[in-house]
PDB file of N, CA and C in Angstrom:
ATOM      1  N   MET A   1       7.712 -23.295  -7.095  1.00  0.00           N
ATOM      2  CA  MET A   1       7.615 -23.418  -8.536  1.00  0.00           C
ATOM      3  C   MET A   1       7.121 -24.797  -8.941  1.00  0.00           C
ATOM      4  N   GLN A   2       6.457 -25.453  -8.053  1.00  0.00           N
ATOM      5  CA  GLN A   2       5.988 -26.800  -8.367  1.00  0.00           C
ATOM      6  C   GLN A   2       5.057 -26.775  -9.575  1.00  0.00           C
ATOM      7  N   GLY A   3       5.336 -27.606 -10.555  1.00  0.00           N
ATOM      8  CA  GLY A   3       4.489 -27.728 -11.725  1.00  0.00           C
ATOM      9  C   GLY A   3       4.783 -26.721 -12.827  1.00  0.00           C
ATOM     10  N   PHE A   4       5.687 -25.794 -12.601  1.00  0.00           N
ATOM     11  CA  PHE A   4       6.029 -24.806 -13.613  1.00  0.00           C
ATOM     12  C   PHE A   4       7.426 -25.086 -14.135  1.00  0.00           C
ATOM     13  N   ARG A   5       7.578 -24.991 -15.446  1.00  0.00           N
ATOM     14  CA  ARG A   5       8.865 -25.334 -16.057  1.00  0.00           C
ATOM     15  C   ARG A   5       9.878 -24.205 -15.960  1.00  0.00           C
ATOM     16  N   SER A   6       9.404 -22.983 -15.852  1.00  0.00           N
ATOM     17  CA  SER A   6      10.344 -21.869 -15.811  1.00  0.00           C
ATOM     18  C   SER A   6       9.768 -20.748 -14.951  1.00  0.00           C
ATOM     19  N   PRO A   7      10.611 -19.865 -14.470  1.00  0.00           N
ATOM     20  CA  PRO A   7      10.107 -18.718 -13.712  1.00  0.00           C
ATOM     21  C   PRO A   7       9.182 -17.832 -14.556  1.00  0.00           C
ATOM     22  N   GLY A   8       9.413 -17.786 -15.872  1.00  0.00           N
ATOM     23  CA  GLY A   8       8.564 -16.982 -16.754  1.00  0.00           C
ATOM     24  C   GLY A   8       7.144 -17.498 -16.818  1.00  0.00           C
ATOM     25  N   SER A   9       6.982 -18.820 -16.894  1.00  0.00           N
ATOM     26  CA  SER A   9       5.633 -19.381 -16.946  1.00  0.00           C
ATOM     27  C   SER A   9       4.929 -19.199 -15.605  1.00  0.00           C
ATOM     28  N   LEU A  10       5.664 -19.291 -14.521  1.00  0.00           N
ATOM     29  CA  LEU A  10       5.086 -19.027 -13.201  1.00  0.00           C
ATOM     30  C   LEU A  10       4.626 -17.580 -13.110  1.00  0.00           C
ATOM     31  N   GLN A  11       5.428 -16.643 -13.585  1.00  0.00           N
ATOM     32  CA  GLN A  11       5.075 -15.229 -13.531  1.00  0.00           C
ATOM     33  C   GLN A  11       3.838 -14.936 -14.370  1.00  0.00           C
ATOM     34  N   ARG A  12       3.734 -15.535 -15.550  1.00  0.00           N
ATOM     35  CA  ARG A  12       2.545 -15.328 -16.392  1.00  0.00           C
ATOM     36  C   ARG A  12       1.296 -15.832 -15.682  1.00  0.00           C
ATOM     37  N   PHE A  13       1.380 -17.027 -15.083  1.00  0.00           N
ATOM     38  CA  PHE A  13       0.235 -17.578 -14.372  1.00  0.00           C
ATOM     39  C   PHE A  13      -0.160 -16.687 -13.208  1.00  0.00           C
ATOM     40  N   VAL A  14       0.797 -16.256 -12.403  1.00  0.00           N
ATOM     41  CA  VAL A  14       0.507 -15.465 -11.219  1.00  0.00           C
ATOM     42  C   VAL A  14      -0.111 -14.122 -11.605  1.00  0.00           C
ATOM     43  N   SER A  15       0.370 -13.492 -12.663  1.00  0.00           N
ATOM     44  CA  SER A  15      -0.178 -12.195 -13.049  1.00  0.00           C
ATOM     45  C   SER A  15      -1.626 -12.321 -13.504  1.00  0.00           C
ATOM     46  N   ILE A  16      -1.956 -13.373 -14.244  1.00  0.00           N
ATOM     47  CA  ILE A  16      -3.335 -13.581 -14.684  1.00  0.00           C
ATOM     48  C   ILE A  16      -4.201 -14.021 -13.515  1.00  0.00           C
ATOM     49  N   PHE A  17      -3.705 -14.949 -12.706  1.00  0.00           N
ATOM     50  CA  PHE A  17      -4.472 -15.465 -11.576  1.00  0.00           C
ATOM     51  C   PHE A  17      -4.825 -14.360 -10.587  1.00  0.00           C
ATOM     52  N   SER A  18      -3.883 -13.481 -10.300  1.00  0.00           N
ATOM     53  CA  SER A  18      -4.148 -12.423  -9.324  1.00  0.00           C
ATOM     54  C   SER A  18      -5.207 -11.455  -9.832  1.00  0.00           C
ATOM     55  N   ALA A  19      -5.203 -11.166 -11.131  1.00  0.00           N
ATOM     56  CA  ALA A  19      -6.215 -10.273 -11.685  1.00  0.00           C
ATOM     57  C   ALA A  19      -7.602 -10.904 -11.602  1.00  0.00           C
ATOM     58  N   VAL A  20      -7.695 -12.178 -11.926  1.00  0.00           N
ATOM     59  CA  VAL A  20      -8.981 -12.871 -11.868  1.00  0.00           C
ATOM     60  C   VAL A  20      -9.439 -13.018 -10.426  1.00  0.00           C
ATOM     61  N   ARG A  21      -8.538 -13.341  -9.538  1.00  0.00           N
ATOM     62  CA  ARG A  21      -8.893 -13.496  -8.129  1.00  0.00           C
ATOM     63  C   ARG A  21      -9.404 -12.184  -7.551  1.00  0.00           C
ATOM     64  N   ASN A  22      -8.747 -11.085  -7.887  1.00  0.00           N
ATOM     65  CA  ASN A  22      -9.184  -9.780  -7.388  1.00  0.00           C
ATOM     66  C   ASN A  22     -10.578  -9.433  -7.882  1.00  0.00           C
ATOM     67  N   LEU A  23     -10.951  -9.930  -9.043  1.00  0.00           N
ATOM     68  CA  LEU A  23     -12.297  -9.674  -9.555  1.00  0.00           C
ATOM     69  C   LEU A  23     -13.348 -10.417  -8.745  1.00  0.00           C
ATOM     70  N   PHE A  24     -13.086 -11.681  -8.404  1.00  0.00           N
ATOM     71  CA  PHE A  24     -14.113 -12.519  -7.802  1.00  0.00           C
ATOM     72  C   PHE A  24     -14.159 -12.512  -6.280  1.00  0.00           C
ATOM     73  N   VAL A  25     -13.067 -12.209  -5.616  1.00  0.00           N
ATOM     74  CA  VAL A  25     -13.049 -12.241  -4.153  1.00  0.00           C
ATOM     75  C   VAL A  25     -13.518 -10.890  -3.625  1.00  0.00           C
ATOM     76  N   ALA A  26     -14.540 -10.922  -2.784  1.00  0.00           N
ATOM     77  CA  ALA A  26     -15.101  -9.686  -2.229  1.00  0.00           C
ATOM     78  C   ALA A  26     -14.106  -9.029  -1.277  1.00  0.00           C
ATOM     79  N   PRO A  27     -14.089  -7.699  -1.241  1.00  0.00           N
ATOM     80  CA  PRO A  27     -13.209  -7.004  -0.293  1.00  0.00           C
ATOM     81  C   PRO A  27     -13.545  -7.391   1.152  1.00  0.00           C
ATOM     82  N   HIS A  28     -12.562  -7.322   2.014  1.00  0.00           N
ATOM     83  CA  HIS A  28     -12.774  -7.719   3.403  1.00  0.00           C
ATOM     84  C   HIS A  28     -13.728  -6.790   4.127  1.00  0.00           C
ATOM     85  N   SER A  29     -13.894  -5.574   3.638  1.00  0.00           N
ATOM     86  CA  SER A  29     -14.814  -4.641   4.300  1.00  0.00           C
ATOM     87  C   SER A  29     -16.267  -5.033   4.071  1.00  0.00           C
ATOM     88  N   GLU A  30     -16.526  -5.797   3.013  1.00  0.00           N
ATOM     89  CA  GLU A  30     -17.894  -6.247   2.719  1.00  0.00           C
ATOM     90  C   GLU A  30     -18.070  -7.671   3.251  1.00  0.00           C
ATOM     91  N   ARG A  31     -18.561  -7.791   4.442  1.00  0.00           N
ATOM     92  CA  ARG A  31     -18.648  -9.112   5.047  1.00  0.00           C
ATOM     93  C   ARG A  31     -20.071  -9.675   5.098  1.00  0.00           C
ATOM     94  N   SER A  32     -21.097  -8.863   4.847  1.00  0.00           N
ATOM     95  CA  SER A  32     -22.448  -9.403   4.922  1.00  0.00           C
ATOM     96  C   SER A  32     -22.679 -10.325   3.724  1.00  0.00           C
ATOM     97  N   ALA A  33     -23.524 -11.309   3.907  1.00  0.00           N
ATOM     98  CA  ALA A  33     -23.801 -12.276   2.849  1.00  0.00           C
ATOM     99  C   ALA A  33     -24.404 -11.587   1.634  1.00  0.00           C
ATOM    100  N   PHE A  34     -25.253 -10.613   1.868  1.00  0.00           N
ATOM    101  CA  PHE A  34     -25.890  -9.902   0.766  1.00  0.00           C
ATOM    102  C   PHE A  34     -24.862  -9.103  -0.035  1.00  0.00           C
ATOM    103  N   ALA A  35     -23.930  -8.440   0.638  1.00  0.00           N
ATOM    104  CA  ALA A  35     -22.898  -7.671  -0.049  1.00  0.00           C
ATOM    105  C   ALA A  35     -21.988  -8.584  -0.866  1.00  0.00           C
ATOM    106  N   VAL A  36     -21.637  -9.732  -0.318  1.00  0.00           N
ATOM    107  CA  VAL A  36     -20.806 -10.694  -1.040  1.00  0.00           C
ATOM    108  C   VAL A  36     -21.559 -11.225  -2.254  1.00  0.00           C
ATOM    109  N   HIS A  37     -22.844 -11.498  -2.085  1.00  0.00           N
ATOM    110  CA  HIS A  37     -23.674 -11.981  -3.188  1.00  0.00           C
ATOM    111  C   HIS A  37     -23.731 -10.945  -4.310  1.00  0.00           C
ATOM    112  N   LEU A  38     -23.953  -9.696  -3.975  1.00  0.00           N
ATOM    113  CA  LEU A  38     -23.988  -8.639  -4.981  1.00  0.00           C
ATOM    114  C   LEU A  38     -22.634  -8.489  -5.682  1.00  0.00           C
ATOM    115  N   HIS A  39     -21.569  -8.586  -4.915  1.00  0.00           N
ATOM    116  CA  HIS A  39     -20.224  -8.492  -5.493  1.00  0.00           C
ATOM    117  C   HIS A  39     -19.994  -9.617  -6.499  1.00  0.00           C
ATOM    118  N   ARG A  40     -20.405 -10.811  -6.155  1.00  0.00           N
ATOM    119  CA  ARG A  40     -20.205 -11.948  -7.066  1.00  0.00           C
ATOM    120  C   ARG A  40     -21.063 -11.831  -8.318  1.00  0.00           C
ATOM    121  N   LEU A  41     -22.288 -11.329  -8.175  1.00  0.00           N
ATOM    122  CA  LEU A  41     -23.129 -11.111  -9.357  1.00  0.00           C
ATOM    123  C   LEU A  41     -22.483 -10.099 -10.303  1.00  0.00           C
ATOM    124  N   GLN A  42     -21.968  -9.029  -9.742  1.00  0.00           N
ATOM    125  CA  GLN A  42     -21.302  -8.008 -10.550  1.00  0.00           C
ATOM    126  C   GLN A  42     -20.034  -8.572 -11.189  1.00  0.00           C
ATOM    127  N   ALA A  43     -19.282  -9.357 -10.441  1.00  0.00           N
ATOM    128  CA  ALA A  43     -18.060  -9.955 -10.974  1.00  0.00           C
ATOM    129  C   ALA A  43     -18.370 -10.896 -12.132  1.00  0.00           C
ATOM    130  N   MET A  44     -19.423 -11.698 -11.999  1.00  0.00           N
ATOM    131  CA  MET A  44     -19.797 -12.610 -13.080  1.00  0.00           C
ATOM    132  C   MET A  44     -20.243 -11.839 -14.313  1.00  0.00           C
ATOM    133  N   ALA A  45     -20.977 -10.738 -14.120  1.00  0.00           N
ATOM    134  CA  ALA A  45     -21.403  -9.929 -15.256  1.00  0.00           C
ATOM    135  C   ALA A  45     -20.190  -9.334 -15.976  1.00  0.00           C
ATOM    136  N   GLU A  46     -19.218  -8.850 -15.213  1.00  0.00           N
ATOM    137  CA  GLU A  46     -18.001  -8.306 -15.819  1.00  0.00           C
ATOM    138  C   GLU A  46     -17.214  -9.399 -16.527  1.00  0.00           C
ATOM    139  N   TRP A  47     -17.120 -10.581 -15.905  1.00  0.00           N
ATOM    140  CA  TRP A  47     -16.388 -11.690 -16.509  1.00  0.00           C
ATOM    141  C   TRP A  47     -17.035 -12.098 -17.828  1.00  0.00           C
ATOM    142  N   LYS A  48     -18.367 -12.186 -17.850  1.00  0.00           N
ATOM    143  CA  LYS A  48     -19.059 -12.556 -19.083  1.00  0.00           C
ATOM    144  C   LYS A  48     -18.872 -11.497 -20.160  1.00  0.00           C
ATOM    145  N   ALA A  49     -18.851 -10.216 -19.761  1.00  0.00           N
ATOM    146  CA  ALA A  49     -18.627  -9.150 -20.739  1.00  0.00           C
ATOM    147  C   ALA A  49     -17.215  -9.228 -21.314  1.00  0.00           C
ATOM    148  N   VAL A  50     -16.243  -9.544 -20.485  1.00  0.00           N
ATOM    149  CA  VAL A  50     -14.860  -9.617 -20.947  1.00  0.00           C
ATOM    150  C   VAL A  50     -14.655 -10.832 -21.833  1.00  0.00           C
ATOM    151  N   THR A  51     -15.217 -11.963 -21.432  1.00  0.00           N
ATOM    152  CA  THR A  51     -15.018 -13.194 -22.204  1.00  0.00           C
ATOM    153  C   THR A  51     -16.052 -13.364 -23.311  1.00  0.00           C
ATOM    154  N   ARG A  52     -17.041 -12.487 -23.321  1.00  0.00           N
ATOM    155  CA  ARG A  52     -18.106 -12.497 -24.339  1.00  0.00           C
ATOM    156  C   ARG A  52     -18.868 -13.798 -24.391  1.00  0.00           C
ATOM    157  N   THR A  53     -19.203 -14.334 -23.230  1.00  0.00           N
ATOM    158  CA  THR A  53     -20.006 -15.551 -23.189  1.00  0.00           C
ATOM    159  C   THR A  53     -21.467 -15.170 -23.064  1.00  0.00           C
ATOM    160  N   LEU A  54     -22.316 -16.047 -23.521  1.00  0.00           N
ATOM    161  CA  LEU A  54     -23.750 -15.796 -23.483  1.00  0.00           C
ATOM    162  C   LEU A  54     -24.443 -16.496 -22.337  1.00  0.00           C
ATOM    163  N   ALA A  55     -23.798 -17.475 -21.740  1.00  0.00           N
ATOM    164  CA  ALA A  55     -24.438 -18.258 -20.684  1.00  0.00           C
ATOM    165  C   ALA A  55     -24.346 -17.587 -19.347  1.00  0.00           C
TER     166      ALA A  55
END
């Protein structure tokens, strides 16, 4: 719990962090560089759609 004031704040961080991490980290079955690259492009497109950024 280093850096967190309460178990509740730690739980909120972990729940959000795990969802974001699952979006950006390629599955272990996709190990080729091209597959990882495609996964990251798709993840960034989804992230931009969710956050509504233009860049």
